[in-house]
Amino acid sequence: MKKLNLNFLNEENKKTTLVPKVASQELTKDEVKDAMMAISALGIFEANGKQLYVTPKSAHYSETIITELF
């Protein structure tokens, strides 16, 4: 299963990543950009008094391949 990784810069210009638990694997570039802009505009995510998702930077799908041994 693919996971959507949303990369932002935080208030200190450091990379932060948001990985939604549920995300369609069929999202377009524009849909993801719009969602990231909306998340950024909310300004509700913070840690240690600093905003986490200030500037949308990039997004990608990642896939983990699991090989069972037994």
C-alpha atoms as a PDB file:
ATOM      1  CA  MET A   1       0.000   0.000   0.000  1.00  0.00           C
ATOM      2  CA  LYS A   2       1.243   3.452  -0.870  1.00  0.00           C
ATOM      3  CA  LYS A   3       1.471   6.227   1.721  1.00  0.00           C
ATOM      4  CA  LEU A   4       1.160   9.899   0.899  1.00  0.00           C
ATOM      5  CA  ASN A   5       3.971  12.012   2.366  1.00  0.00           C
ATOM      6  CA  LEU A   6       3.348  15.759   2.595  1.00  0.00           C
ATOM      7  CA  ASN A   7       6.529  17.746   3.208  1.00  0.00           C
ATOM      8  CA  PHE A   8       6.345  21.222   4.684  1.00  0.00           C
ATOM      9  CA  LEU A   9       8.708  23.762   6.181  1.00  0.00           C
ATOM     10  CA  ASN A  10       7.881  24.677   9.752  1.00  0.00           C
ATOM     11  CA  GLU A  11       8.095  28.065  11.440  1.00  0.00           C
ATOM     12  CA  GLU A  12      11.875  27.614  11.779  1.00  0.00           C
ATOM     13  CA  ASN A  13      12.286  26.616   8.086  1.00  0.00           C
ATOM     14  CA  LYS A  14      12.952  22.996   9.061  1.00  0.00           C
ATOM     15  CA  LYS A  15      11.408  20.092   7.149  1.00  0.00           C
ATOM     16  CA  THR A  16       8.353  18.453   8.700  1.00  0.00           C
ATOM     17  CA  THR A  17       6.343  15.624   7.193  1.00  0.00           C
ATOM     18  CA  LEU A  18       2.661  14.838   7.519  1.00  0.00           C
ATOM     19  CA  VAL A  19       1.562  11.311   6.569  1.00  0.00           C
ATOM     20  CA  PRO A  20      -2.243  11.050   6.544  1.00  0.00           C
ATOM     21  CA  LYS A  21      -3.583   7.707   7.804  1.00  0.00           C
ATOM     22  CA  VAL A  22      -6.110   7.593   4.958  1.00  0.00           C
ATOM     23  CA  ALA A  23      -5.355   9.049   1.528  1.00  0.00           C
ATOM     24  CA  SER A  24      -6.418   8.141  -1.982  1.00  0.00           C
ATOM     25  CA  GLN A  25      -3.706   6.767  -4.225  1.00  0.00           C
ATOM     26  CA  GLU A  26      -5.311   8.549  -7.175  1.00  0.00           C
ATOM     27  CA  LEU A  27      -4.825  12.191  -6.135  1.00  0.00           C
ATOM     28  CA  THR A  28      -3.571  14.649  -8.741  1.00  0.00           C
ATOM     29  CA  LYS A  29      -0.729  17.087  -8.247  1.00  0.00           C
ATOM     30  CA  ASP A  30      -3.176  20.002  -8.047  1.00  0.00           C
ATOM     31  CA  GLU A  31      -5.425  18.244  -5.513  1.00  0.00           C
ATOM     32  CA  VAL A  32      -2.456  17.568  -3.237  1.00  0.00           C
ATOM     33  CA  LYS A  33      -1.153  21.138  -3.589  1.00  0.00           C
ATOM     34  CA  ASP A  34      -4.586  22.547  -2.742  1.00  0.00           C
ATOM     35  CA  ALA A  35      -4.876  20.277   0.299  1.00  0.00           C
ATOM     36  CA  MET A  36      -1.425  21.284   1.507  1.00  0.00           C
ATOM     37  CA  MET A  37      -2.267  24.973   1.127  1.00  0.00           C
ATOM     38  CA  ALA A  38      -5.467  24.422   3.131  1.00  0.00           C
ATOM     39  CA  ILE A  39      -3.561  22.603   5.900  1.00  0.00           C
ATOM     40  CA  SER A  40      -1.020  25.412   6.011  1.00  0.00           C
ATOM     41  CA  ALA A  41      -3.737  28.081   6.148  1.00  0.00           C
ATOM     42  CA  LEU A  42      -5.393  26.416   9.162  1.00  0.00           C
ATOM     43  CA  GLY A  43      -2.360  27.064  11.356  1.00  0.00           C
ATOM     44  CA  ILE A  44      -3.612  24.601  13.983  1.00  0.00           C
ATOM     45  CA  PHE A  45      -0.690  22.163  14.097  1.00  0.00           C
ATOM     46  CA  GLU A  46       2.124  23.066  16.454  1.00  0.00           C
ATOM     47  CA  ALA A  47       4.772  21.520  18.667  1.00  0.00           C
ATOM     48  CA  ASN A  48       6.743  23.291  21.371  1.00  0.00           C
ATOM     49  CA  GLY A  49       4.907  26.514  20.528  1.00  0.00           C
ATOM     50  CA  LYS A  50       6.037  26.495  16.870  1.00  0.00           C
ATOM     51  CA  GLN A  51       3.799  26.072  13.819  1.00  0.00           C
ATOM     52  CA  LEU A  52       4.552  22.768  12.075  1.00  0.00           C
ATOM     53  CA  TYR A  53       3.113  23.039   8.564  1.00  0.00           C
ATOM     54  CA  VAL A  54       3.795  26.608   7.445  1.00  0.00           C
ATOM     55  CA  THR A  55       5.057  26.299   3.856  1.00  0.00           C
ATOM     56  CA  PRO A  56       4.167  23.422   1.502  1.00  0.00           C
ATOM     57  CA  LYS A  57       7.418  22.080   0.045  1.00  0.00           C
ATOM     58  CA  SER A  58       6.793  18.774  -1.760  1.00  0.00           C
ATOM     59  CA  ALA A  59       4.746  15.588  -1.763  1.00  0.00           C
ATOM     60  CA  HIS A  60       5.284  12.011  -2.818  1.00  0.00           C
ATOM     61  CA  TYR A  61       3.899   8.528  -2.465  1.00  0.00           C
ATOM     62  CA  SER A  62       6.085   5.933  -0.754  1.00  0.00           C
ATOM     63  CA  GLU A  63       5.615   2.206  -0.807  1.00  0.00           C
ATOM     64  CA  THR A  64       7.040  -0.355   1.593  1.00  0.00           C
ATOM     65  CA  ILE A  65       7.608  -3.841   0.298  1.00  0.00           C
ATOM     66  CA  ILE A  66       7.292  -6.526   2.960  1.00  0.00           C
ATOM     67  CA  THR A  67       8.859  -9.909   2.321  1.00  0.00           C
ATOM     68  CA  GLU A  68       7.590 -12.506   4.771  1.00  0.00           C
ATOM     69  CA  LEU A  69      10.113 -15.036   5.994  1.00  0.00           C
ATOM     70  CA  PHE A  70       7.715 -17.405   7.767  1.00  0.00           C
END
